[in-house]
Amino acid sequence: MTRVRVALAFVLTATLATAAGAQGTARPAPVVEGAAGWAGFLDEEVVRHGLVATAARVYVSRRVSLGPEVQYFVGPNSDRDLIVTGNLMVDLLAPTADRPKRTTPFVVVGGGLFRHSDRFNGRSFSSTEGAYTAGVGVRTWATDRLFVAGDARLGWEAHLRLAVTVGLALR
């Protein structure tokens, strides 16, 4: 649990430092996001999970943003997973003026911690290890503050994630 606290403290510190350095510039506004989707973890066969996630991002340049993400996965029976990462997202199209393009493809990479818990033969089991995620997606702005995105990611613990995200720019 100490590793989880250290990782969370690191992500929070990096995000706050980035936010302080980003004030007063022509960068896009910070965003908060909520996501839902599906993930398949690789084992002897694909173990299907539902997922919910939340994230916040601060732009450090016109196309690059940083921020924490928390993902919670619900698998069969008592299989539960939590992934906490610090993510780097790169918009592949530059914004015009202070506004992003209406539709923008992006690349995302992140690293952090993975926590797995389950029950075997009536006994609880949990483990924590390093995690990473990498993938691509497309974001479409519905209004000047609200967007919808879809992404596909691969990560460790070995899994494929497919998710839909709704985000809000904090202007």
N, C-alpha and C. Protein backbone atom coordinates (compact mmCIF):
# COMPACT_ATOMS: atom_id res chain seq x y z
N MET A 1 0.82 -1.19 0.00
CA MET A 1 0.00 0.00 0.00
C MET A 1 0.87 1.26 0.00
N THR A 2 2.10 1.15 0.56
CA THR A 2 3.00 2.29 0.57
C THR A 2 3.35 2.71 -0.84
N ARG A 3 3.55 1.74 -1.75
CA ARG A 3 3.87 2.06 -3.14
C ARG A 3 2.72 2.82 -3.79
N VAL A 4 1.49 2.44 -3.46
CA VAL A 4 0.33 3.14 -4.02
C VAL A 4 0.33 4.59 -3.56
N ARG A 5 0.58 4.81 -2.29
CA ARG A 5 0.61 6.19 -1.76
C ARG A 5 1.72 7.01 -2.40
N VAL A 6 2.91 6.41 -2.56
CA VAL A 6 4.02 7.12 -3.19
C VAL A 6 3.66 7.48 -4.63
N ALA A 7 3.07 6.53 -5.37
CA ALA A 7 2.68 6.79 -6.76
C ALA A 7 1.64 7.89 -6.84
N LEU A 8 0.63 7.85 -5.96
CA LEU A 8 -0.40 8.88 -5.96
C LEU A 8 0.19 10.25 -5.63
N ALA A 9 1.10 10.30 -4.66
CA ALA A 9 1.74 11.56 -4.30
C ALA A 9 2.56 12.10 -5.47
N PHE A 10 3.26 11.22 -6.18
CA PHE A 10 4.05 11.64 -7.34
C PHE A 10 3.15 12.22 -8.43
N VAL A 11 2.08 11.50 -8.77
CA VAL A 11 1.17 11.96 -9.82
C VAL A 11 0.54 13.29 -9.44
N LEU A 12 0.09 13.44 -8.19
CA LEU A 12 -0.53 14.68 -7.75
C LEU A 12 0.46 15.84 -7.78
N THR A 13 1.68 15.60 -7.31
CA THR A 13 2.71 16.65 -7.32
C THR A 13 3.04 17.09 -8.74
N ALA A 14 3.21 16.12 -9.64
CA ALA A 14 3.52 16.45 -11.03
C ALA A 14 2.39 17.23 -11.67
N THR A 15 1.16 16.84 -11.38
CA THR A 15 0.01 17.53 -11.96
C THR A 15 -0.10 18.95 -11.44
N LEU A 16 0.07 19.14 -10.14
CA LEU A 16 -0.03 20.49 -9.57
C LEU A 16 1.10 21.38 -10.07
N ALA A 17 2.31 20.83 -10.17
CA ALA A 17 3.43 21.62 -10.68
C ALA A 17 3.19 22.02 -12.13
N THR A 18 2.65 21.11 -12.90
CA THR A 18 2.34 21.39 -14.30
C THR A 18 1.27 22.46 -14.40
N ALA A 19 0.24 22.36 -13.57
CA ALA A 19 -0.84 23.34 -13.59
C ALA A 19 -0.33 24.73 -13.23
N ALA A 20 0.55 24.81 -12.25
CA ALA A 20 1.10 26.10 -11.85
C ALA A 20 1.92 26.71 -12.97
N GLY A 21 2.68 25.88 -13.67
CA GLY A 21 3.51 26.38 -14.76
C GLY A 21 2.72 26.73 -16.00
N ALA A 22 1.49 26.22 -16.13
CA ALA A 22 0.71 26.43 -17.34
C ALA A 22 -0.19 27.66 -17.29
N GLN A 23 -0.21 28.36 -16.17
CA GLN A 23 -1.11 29.50 -16.06
C GLN A 23 -0.66 30.66 -16.93
N GLY A 24 -1.60 31.39 -17.50
CA GLY A 24 -1.30 32.59 -18.27
C GLY A 24 -0.76 32.32 -19.66
N THR A 25 -1.04 31.19 -20.26
CA THR A 25 -0.54 30.89 -21.60
C THR A 25 -1.71 30.65 -22.54
N ALA A 26 -1.39 30.50 -23.83
CA ALA A 26 -2.41 30.27 -24.85
C ALA A 26 -2.67 28.78 -25.05
N ARG A 27 -2.39 27.98 -24.08
CA ARG A 27 -2.63 26.54 -24.18
C ARG A 27 -4.11 26.25 -23.97
N PRO A 28 -4.57 25.10 -24.47
CA PRO A 28 -5.97 24.71 -24.20
C PRO A 28 -6.22 24.59 -22.70
N ALA A 29 -7.47 24.71 -22.32
CA ALA A 29 -7.88 24.63 -20.91
C ALA A 29 -7.67 23.22 -20.36
N PRO A 30 -7.45 23.10 -19.05
CA PRO A 30 -7.40 21.77 -18.43
C PRO A 30 -8.74 21.06 -18.64
N VAL A 31 -8.72 19.73 -18.57
CA VAL A 31 -9.94 18.95 -18.75
C VAL A 31 -10.08 17.90 -17.65
N VAL A 32 -11.33 17.55 -17.36
CA VAL A 32 -11.65 16.41 -16.52
C VAL A 32 -12.44 15.44 -17.39
N GLU A 33 -12.25 14.14 -17.12
CA GLU A 33 -12.85 13.12 -17.97
C GLU A 33 -13.42 11.98 -17.14
N GLY A 34 -14.46 11.36 -17.69
CA GLY A 34 -15.00 10.13 -17.15
C GLY A 34 -15.13 9.14 -18.30
N ALA A 35 -14.81 7.88 -18.06
CA ALA A 35 -14.83 6.89 -19.13
C ALA A 35 -15.49 5.61 -18.65
N ALA A 36 -16.02 4.85 -19.61
CA ALA A 36 -16.56 3.53 -19.36
C ALA A 36 -16.21 2.66 -20.55
N GLY A 37 -16.06 1.36 -20.31
CA GLY A 37 -15.72 0.50 -21.42
C GLY A 37 -15.54 -0.95 -21.04
N TRP A 38 -14.74 -1.60 -21.84
CA TRP A 38 -14.49 -3.04 -21.75
C TRP A 38 -12.99 -3.27 -21.75
N ALA A 39 -12.57 -4.28 -21.03
CA ALA A 39 -11.16 -4.68 -21.06
C ALA A 39 -11.09 -6.20 -21.06
N GLY A 40 -10.15 -6.72 -21.80
CA GLY A 40 -9.89 -8.15 -21.82
C GLY A 40 -8.49 -8.40 -21.31
N PHE A 41 -8.38 -9.09 -20.16
CA PHE A 41 -7.08 -9.44 -19.61
C PHE A 41 -6.69 -10.82 -20.14
N LEU A 42 -5.41 -10.96 -20.52
CA LEU A 42 -4.94 -12.21 -21.09
C LEU A 42 -4.54 -13.19 -20.00
N ASP A 43 -5.10 -14.39 -20.07
CA ASP A 43 -4.77 -15.49 -19.17
C ASP A 43 -4.78 -16.72 -20.06
N GLU A 44 -5.22 -17.88 -19.57
CA GLU A 44 -5.38 -19.01 -20.48
C GLU A 44 -6.38 -18.67 -21.57
N GLU A 45 -7.33 -17.82 -21.22
CA GLU A 45 -8.29 -17.26 -22.18
C GLU A 45 -8.50 -15.80 -21.79
N VAL A 46 -9.19 -15.06 -22.62
CA VAL A 46 -9.45 -13.65 -22.31
C VAL A 46 -10.45 -13.57 -21.16
N VAL A 47 -10.07 -12.83 -20.11
CA VAL A 47 -10.95 -12.61 -18.96
C VAL A 47 -11.58 -11.22 -19.13
N ARG A 48 -12.88 -11.20 -19.38
CA ARG A 48 -13.59 -9.96 -19.69
C ARG A 48 -13.89 -9.15 -18.43
N HIS A 49 -13.72 -7.84 -18.55
CA HIS A 49 -13.97 -6.91 -17.45
C HIS A 49 -14.74 -5.70 -17.96
N GLY A 50 -15.61 -5.15 -17.14
CA GLY A 50 -16.15 -3.82 -17.38
C GLY A 50 -15.21 -2.83 -16.72
N LEU A 51 -15.21 -1.59 -17.17
CA LEU A 51 -14.32 -0.61 -16.55
C LEU A 51 -14.98 0.75 -16.46
N VAL A 52 -14.60 1.47 -15.44
CA VAL A 52 -14.91 2.89 -15.30
C VAL A 52 -13.59 3.59 -14.97
N ALA A 53 -13.48 4.83 -15.42
CA ALA A 53 -12.23 5.56 -15.19
C ALA A 53 -12.52 7.04 -15.05
N THR A 54 -11.60 7.73 -14.42
CA THR A 54 -11.66 9.18 -14.33
C THR A 54 -10.24 9.71 -14.50
N ALA A 55 -10.15 10.89 -15.08
CA ALA A 55 -8.83 11.48 -15.33
C ALA A 55 -8.95 12.99 -15.32
N ALA A 56 -7.80 13.63 -15.16
CA ALA A 56 -7.69 15.08 -15.29
C ALA A 56 -6.41 15.34 -16.07
N ARG A 57 -6.44 16.34 -16.94
CA ARG A 57 -5.26 16.65 -17.73
C ARG A 57 -5.05 18.15 -17.79
N VAL A 58 -3.79 18.54 -17.77
CA VAL A 58 -3.38 19.93 -17.92
C VAL A 58 -2.44 19.99 -19.12
N TYR A 59 -2.70 20.92 -20.02
CA TYR A 59 -1.84 21.08 -21.20
C TYR A 59 -0.55 21.78 -20.80
N VAL A 60 0.59 21.18 -21.17
CA VAL A 60 1.90 21.77 -20.92
C VAL A 60 2.42 22.45 -22.18
N SER A 61 1.79 22.17 -23.30
CA SER A 61 2.04 22.88 -24.56
C SER A 61 0.72 22.85 -25.33
N ARG A 62 0.73 23.34 -26.55
CA ARG A 62 -0.52 23.39 -27.32
C ARG A 62 -1.07 22.01 -27.66
N ARG A 63 -0.22 20.98 -27.70
CA ARG A 63 -0.67 19.64 -28.09
C ARG A 63 -0.39 18.56 -27.06
N VAL A 64 0.37 18.86 -26.02
CA VAL A 64 0.79 17.85 -25.05
C VAL A 64 0.16 18.14 -23.69
N SER A 65 -0.46 17.10 -23.10
CA SER A 65 -1.07 17.25 -21.77
C SER A 65 -0.61 16.13 -20.86
N LEU A 66 -0.63 16.41 -19.57
CA LEU A 66 -0.23 15.46 -18.52
C LEU A 66 -1.32 15.40 -17.47
N GLY A 67 -1.42 14.24 -16.82
CA GLY A 67 -2.35 14.16 -15.70
C GLY A 67 -2.57 12.75 -15.22
N PRO A 68 -3.20 12.63 -14.06
CA PRO A 68 -3.46 11.31 -13.47
C PRO A 68 -4.73 10.68 -14.04
N GLU A 69 -4.76 9.35 -13.99
CA GLU A 69 -5.95 8.59 -14.37
C GLU A 69 -6.11 7.44 -13.38
N VAL A 70 -7.34 7.20 -12.98
CA VAL A 70 -7.68 6.08 -12.11
C VAL A 70 -8.69 5.22 -12.87
N GLN A 71 -8.37 3.92 -13.03
CA GLN A 71 -9.25 2.99 -13.74
C GLN A 71 -9.63 1.85 -12.79
N TYR A 72 -10.91 1.51 -12.76
CA TYR A 72 -11.39 0.42 -11.91
C TYR A 72 -12.07 -0.61 -12.81
N PHE A 73 -11.65 -1.86 -12.69
CA PHE A 73 -12.13 -2.95 -13.53
C PHE A 73 -12.89 -3.97 -12.68
N VAL A 74 -14.03 -4.42 -13.20
CA VAL A 74 -14.82 -5.45 -12.52
C VAL A 74 -14.87 -6.66 -13.44
N GLY A 75 -14.26 -7.75 -12.97
CA GLY A 75 -14.23 -8.99 -13.74
C GLY A 75 -15.22 -9.99 -13.20
N PRO A 76 -15.09 -11.24 -13.60
CA PRO A 76 -16.01 -12.27 -13.13
C PRO A 76 -15.86 -12.52 -11.62
N ASN A 77 -16.97 -12.86 -11.00
CA ASN A 77 -16.99 -13.18 -9.57
C ASN A 77 -16.39 -12.04 -8.76
N SER A 78 -15.30 -12.30 -8.02
CA SER A 78 -14.71 -11.26 -7.17
C SER A 78 -13.44 -10.68 -7.76
N ASP A 79 -13.19 -10.87 -9.03
CA ASP A 79 -12.01 -10.34 -9.71
C ASP A 79 -12.14 -8.83 -9.86
N ARG A 80 -11.25 -8.08 -9.20
CA ARG A 80 -11.26 -6.62 -9.26
C ARG A 80 -9.84 -6.12 -9.50
N ASP A 81 -9.74 -5.03 -10.28
CA ASP A 81 -8.44 -4.46 -10.59
C ASP A 81 -8.53 -2.94 -10.51
N LEU A 82 -7.45 -2.33 -10.07
CA LEU A 82 -7.34 -0.88 -9.99
C LEU A 82 -6.01 -0.49 -10.63
N ILE A 83 -6.06 0.43 -11.58
CA ILE A 83 -4.84 0.94 -12.20
C ILE A 83 -4.80 2.45 -12.00
N VAL A 84 -3.70 2.93 -11.44
CA VAL A 84 -3.48 4.37 -11.23
C VAL A 84 -2.24 4.74 -12.03
N THR A 85 -2.39 5.66 -12.99
CA THR A 85 -1.27 6.04 -13.83
C THR A 85 -1.15 7.55 -13.95
N GLY A 86 0.03 7.98 -14.27
CA GLY A 86 0.27 9.33 -14.74
C GLY A 86 0.39 9.23 -16.25
N ASN A 87 -0.42 9.98 -16.98
CA ASN A 87 -0.48 9.84 -18.44
C ASN A 87 0.08 11.06 -19.16
N LEU A 88 0.66 10.78 -20.32
CA LEU A 88 1.09 11.80 -21.26
C LEU A 88 0.24 11.60 -22.51
N MET A 89 -0.46 12.66 -22.93
CA MET A 89 -1.32 12.57 -24.11
C MET A 89 -0.83 13.60 -25.13
N VAL A 90 -0.72 13.17 -26.38
CA VAL A 90 -0.28 14.04 -27.46
C VAL A 90 -1.39 14.12 -28.50
N ASP A 91 -1.91 15.32 -28.72
CA ASP A 91 -2.89 15.56 -29.78
C ASP A 91 -2.12 15.62 -31.10
N LEU A 92 -2.55 14.85 -32.09
CA LEU A 92 -1.81 14.77 -33.34
C LEU A 92 -2.07 15.95 -34.27
N LEU A 93 -3.11 16.73 -33.99
CA LEU A 93 -3.39 17.95 -34.75
C LEU A 93 -3.29 19.15 -33.81
N ALA A 94 -2.59 20.17 -34.26
CA ALA A 94 -2.41 21.37 -33.44
C ALA A 94 -3.71 22.17 -33.38
N PRO A 95 -3.98 22.81 -32.24
CA PRO A 95 -5.18 23.65 -32.14
C PRO A 95 -5.02 24.91 -33.00
N THR A 96 -6.15 25.52 -33.32
CA THR A 96 -6.13 26.81 -34.00
C THR A 96 -6.52 27.85 -32.96
N ALA A 97 -5.74 28.91 -32.88
CA ALA A 97 -5.89 29.92 -31.83
C ALA A 97 -5.79 29.20 -30.48
N ASP A 98 -6.75 29.36 -29.60
CA ASP A 98 -6.72 28.69 -28.29
C ASP A 98 -7.67 27.50 -28.25
N ARG A 99 -8.14 27.07 -29.42
CA ARG A 99 -9.15 26.00 -29.46
C ARG A 99 -8.60 24.78 -30.19
N PRO A 100 -8.89 23.59 -29.68
CA PRO A 100 -8.47 22.38 -30.39
C PRO A 100 -9.29 22.20 -31.67
N LYS A 101 -8.76 21.40 -32.58
CA LYS A 101 -9.53 21.04 -33.78
C LYS A 101 -10.80 20.33 -33.34
N ARG A 102 -11.86 20.42 -34.13
CA ARG A 102 -13.14 19.78 -33.76
C ARG A 102 -12.96 18.28 -33.54
N THR A 103 -12.23 17.62 -34.43
CA THR A 103 -11.92 16.20 -34.26
C THR A 103 -10.41 16.05 -34.26
N THR A 104 -9.90 15.42 -33.21
CA THR A 104 -8.45 15.32 -33.03
C THR A 104 -8.05 13.90 -32.66
N PRO A 105 -7.23 13.24 -33.49
CA PRO A 105 -6.66 11.96 -33.07
C PRO A 105 -5.58 12.22 -32.02
N PHE A 106 -5.36 11.25 -31.13
CA PHE A 106 -4.36 11.42 -30.09
C PHE A 106 -3.66 10.10 -29.78
N VAL A 107 -2.52 10.23 -29.14
CA VAL A 107 -1.73 9.10 -28.65
C VAL A 107 -1.61 9.29 -27.14
N VAL A 108 -1.70 8.20 -26.39
CA VAL A 108 -1.58 8.28 -24.94
C VAL A 108 -0.62 7.19 -24.44
N VAL A 109 0.24 7.55 -23.49
CA VAL A 109 1.11 6.60 -22.79
C VAL A 109 1.06 6.96 -21.31
N GLY A 110 1.21 5.96 -20.47
CA GLY A 110 1.18 6.22 -19.04
C GLY A 110 1.87 5.12 -18.26
N GLY A 111 2.24 5.45 -17.04
CA GLY A 111 2.86 4.48 -16.15
C GLY A 111 2.41 4.71 -14.73
N GLY A 112 2.37 3.63 -13.95
CA GLY A 112 1.95 3.76 -12.56
C GLY A 112 1.88 2.42 -11.88
N LEU A 113 0.78 2.17 -11.17
CA LEU A 113 0.61 0.95 -10.38
C LEU A 113 -0.66 0.20 -10.75
N PHE A 114 -0.58 -1.11 -10.65
CA PHE A 114 -1.69 -2.02 -10.91
C PHE A 114 -1.94 -2.82 -9.63
N ARG A 115 -3.18 -2.86 -9.18
CA ARG A 115 -3.56 -3.63 -7.99
C ARG A 115 -4.65 -4.61 -8.39
N HIS A 116 -4.40 -5.89 -8.14
CA HIS A 116 -5.35 -6.96 -8.46
C HIS A 116 -5.82 -7.60 -7.15
N SER A 117 -7.12 -7.89 -7.07
CA SER A 117 -7.64 -8.64 -5.92
C SER A 117 -8.68 -9.64 -6.41
N ASP A 118 -8.73 -10.76 -5.71
CA ASP A 118 -9.66 -11.84 -6.06
C ASP A 118 -9.79 -12.76 -4.86
N ARG A 119 -10.69 -13.71 -4.97
CA ARG A 119 -10.86 -14.74 -3.94
C ARG A 119 -10.61 -16.10 -4.57
N PHE A 120 -9.80 -16.91 -3.90
CA PHE A 120 -9.51 -18.27 -4.33
C PHE A 120 -9.76 -19.20 -3.17
N ASN A 121 -10.59 -20.21 -3.39
CA ASN A 121 -10.89 -21.19 -2.33
C ASN A 121 -11.28 -20.52 -1.02
N GLY A 122 -12.11 -19.46 -1.11
CA GLY A 122 -12.60 -18.79 0.08
C GLY A 122 -11.61 -17.84 0.73
N ARG A 123 -10.44 -17.64 0.13
CA ARG A 123 -9.43 -16.75 0.72
C ARG A 123 -9.19 -15.56 -0.20
N SER A 124 -9.04 -14.40 0.40
CA SER A 124 -8.75 -13.19 -0.38
C SER A 124 -7.28 -13.16 -0.77
N PHE A 125 -7.04 -12.65 -1.98
CA PHE A 125 -5.69 -12.51 -2.50
C PHE A 125 -5.58 -11.16 -3.17
N SER A 126 -4.45 -10.49 -2.99
CA SER A 126 -4.22 -9.24 -3.72
C SER A 126 -2.74 -9.09 -4.01
N SER A 127 -2.44 -8.37 -5.07
CA SER A 127 -1.05 -8.10 -5.43
C SER A 127 -0.97 -6.73 -6.08
N THR A 128 0.19 -6.12 -5.97
CA THR A 128 0.43 -4.80 -6.56
C THR A 128 1.73 -4.86 -7.34
N GLU A 129 1.72 -4.28 -8.53
CA GLU A 129 2.93 -4.25 -9.36
C GLU A 129 2.89 -3.01 -10.25
N GLY A 130 3.96 -2.80 -10.99
CA GLY A 130 4.02 -1.68 -11.92
C GLY A 130 3.03 -1.88 -13.07
N ALA A 131 2.64 -0.77 -13.69
CA ALA A 131 1.70 -0.83 -14.80
C ALA A 131 2.10 0.17 -15.86
N TYR A 132 1.72 -0.12 -17.09
CA TYR A 132 1.84 0.86 -18.16
C TYR A 132 0.65 0.74 -19.08
N THR A 133 0.41 1.77 -19.84
CA THR A 133 -0.66 1.78 -20.82
C THR A 133 -0.18 2.59 -22.03
N ALA A 134 -0.61 2.18 -23.21
CA ALA A 134 -0.28 2.92 -24.43
C ALA A 134 -1.38 2.67 -25.45
N GLY A 135 -1.76 3.73 -26.17
CA GLY A 135 -2.82 3.54 -27.15
C GLY A 135 -3.09 4.76 -27.99
N VAL A 136 -4.16 4.66 -28.76
CA VAL A 136 -4.57 5.73 -29.67
C VAL A 136 -6.07 5.95 -29.53
N GLY A 137 -6.50 7.15 -29.92
CA GLY A 137 -7.92 7.45 -29.86
C GLY A 137 -8.26 8.65 -30.72
N VAL A 138 -9.54 8.99 -30.71
CA VAL A 138 -10.05 10.16 -31.43
C VAL A 138 -11.01 10.90 -30.51
N ARG A 139 -10.83 12.22 -30.43
CA ARG A 139 -11.67 13.08 -29.60
C ARG A 139 -12.45 14.02 -30.52
N THR A 140 -13.76 14.15 -30.27
CA THR A 140 -14.61 15.07 -31.03
C THR A 140 -15.31 16.01 -30.06
N TRP A 141 -15.17 17.30 -30.33
CA TRP A 141 -15.79 18.31 -29.49
C TRP A 141 -17.24 18.50 -29.89
N ALA A 142 -18.16 18.30 -28.95
CA ALA A 142 -19.60 18.51 -29.19
C ALA A 142 -19.96 19.99 -29.02
N THR A 143 -19.29 20.67 -28.06
CA THR A 143 -19.45 22.11 -27.84
C THR A 143 -18.04 22.65 -27.58
N ASP A 144 -17.92 23.92 -27.22
CA ASP A 144 -16.59 24.46 -26.93
C ASP A 144 -16.04 23.96 -25.60
N ARG A 145 -16.87 23.30 -24.78
CA ARG A 145 -16.40 22.78 -23.48
C ARG A 145 -16.56 21.28 -23.32
N LEU A 146 -17.37 20.61 -24.13
CA LEU A 146 -17.71 19.20 -23.94
C LEU A 146 -17.23 18.36 -25.12
N PHE A 147 -16.56 17.24 -24.82
CA PHE A 147 -16.12 16.36 -25.89
C PHE A 147 -16.44 14.90 -25.58
N VAL A 148 -16.42 14.10 -26.64
CA VAL A 148 -16.58 12.65 -26.55
C VAL A 148 -15.38 12.04 -27.26
N ALA A 149 -14.82 10.99 -26.69
CA ALA A 149 -13.65 10.34 -27.29
C ALA A 149 -13.79 8.84 -27.20
N GLY A 150 -13.12 8.16 -28.08
CA GLY A 150 -13.00 6.71 -28.03
C GLY A 150 -11.53 6.37 -28.11
N ASP A 151 -11.10 5.35 -27.36
CA ASP A 151 -9.70 4.95 -27.45
C ASP A 151 -9.53 3.45 -27.30
N ALA A 152 -8.41 2.97 -27.81
CA ALA A 152 -8.00 1.58 -27.67
C ALA A 152 -6.59 1.60 -27.10
N ARG A 153 -6.37 0.80 -26.04
CA ARG A 153 -5.06 0.78 -25.39
C ARG A 153 -4.63 -0.65 -25.08
N LEU A 154 -3.34 -0.83 -25.05
CA LEU A 154 -2.73 -2.05 -24.55
C LEU A 154 -2.03 -1.68 -23.26
N GLY A 155 -1.95 -2.62 -22.32
CA GLY A 155 -1.29 -2.30 -21.07
C GLY A 155 -0.79 -3.53 -20.35
N TRP A 156 -0.08 -3.28 -19.27
CA TRP A 156 0.40 -4.34 -18.39
C TRP A 156 -0.19 -4.09 -17.02
N GLU A 157 -0.70 -5.01 -16.44
CA GLU A 157 -0.94 -6.42 -16.59
C GLU A 157 -1.58 -6.61 -17.96
N ALA A 158 -1.14 -7.60 -18.73
CA ALA A 158 -1.48 -7.72 -20.15
C ALA A 158 -2.99 -7.63 -20.38
N HIS A 159 -3.41 -6.53 -21.03
CA HIS A 159 -4.82 -6.35 -21.33
C HIS A 159 -5.02 -5.42 -22.52
N LEU A 160 -6.19 -5.52 -23.10
CA LEU A 160 -6.67 -4.61 -24.14
C LEU A 160 -7.83 -3.84 -23.54
N ARG A 161 -7.83 -2.53 -23.70
CA ARG A 161 -8.90 -1.67 -23.17
C ARG A 161 -9.56 -0.94 -24.34
N LEU A 162 -10.88 -0.96 -24.38
CA LEU A 162 -11.67 -0.18 -25.34
C LEU A 162 -12.63 0.66 -24.51
N ALA A 163 -12.60 1.98 -24.69
CA ALA A 163 -13.40 2.85 -23.83
C ALA A 163 -13.95 4.05 -24.58
N VAL A 164 -15.05 4.56 -24.05
CA VAL A 164 -15.64 5.82 -24.50
C VAL A 164 -15.52 6.80 -23.35
N THR A 165 -15.07 8.01 -23.67
CA THR A 165 -14.81 9.03 -22.66
C THR A 165 -15.68 10.26 -22.95
N VAL A 166 -16.17 10.87 -21.88
CA VAL A 166 -16.82 12.17 -21.96
C VAL A 166 -15.97 13.12 -21.13
N GLY A 167 -15.63 14.26 -21.72
CA GLY A 167 -14.75 15.20 -21.03
C GLY A 167 -15.30 16.61 -21.03
N LEU A 168 -14.81 17.39 -20.08
CA LEU A 168 -15.24 18.77 -19.91
C LEU A 168 -14.02 19.66 -19.77
N ALA A 169 -13.92 20.68 -20.61
CA ALA A 169 -12.85 21.67 -20.50
C ALA A 169 -13.21 22.64 -19.38
N LEU A 170 -12.24 22.94 -18.54
CA LEU A 170 -12.47 23.82 -17.39
C LEU A 170 -12.09 25.26 -17.75
N ARG A 171 -12.95 25.92 -18.49
CA ARG A 171 -12.69 27.30 -18.94
C ARG A 171 -13.31 28.28 -17.98
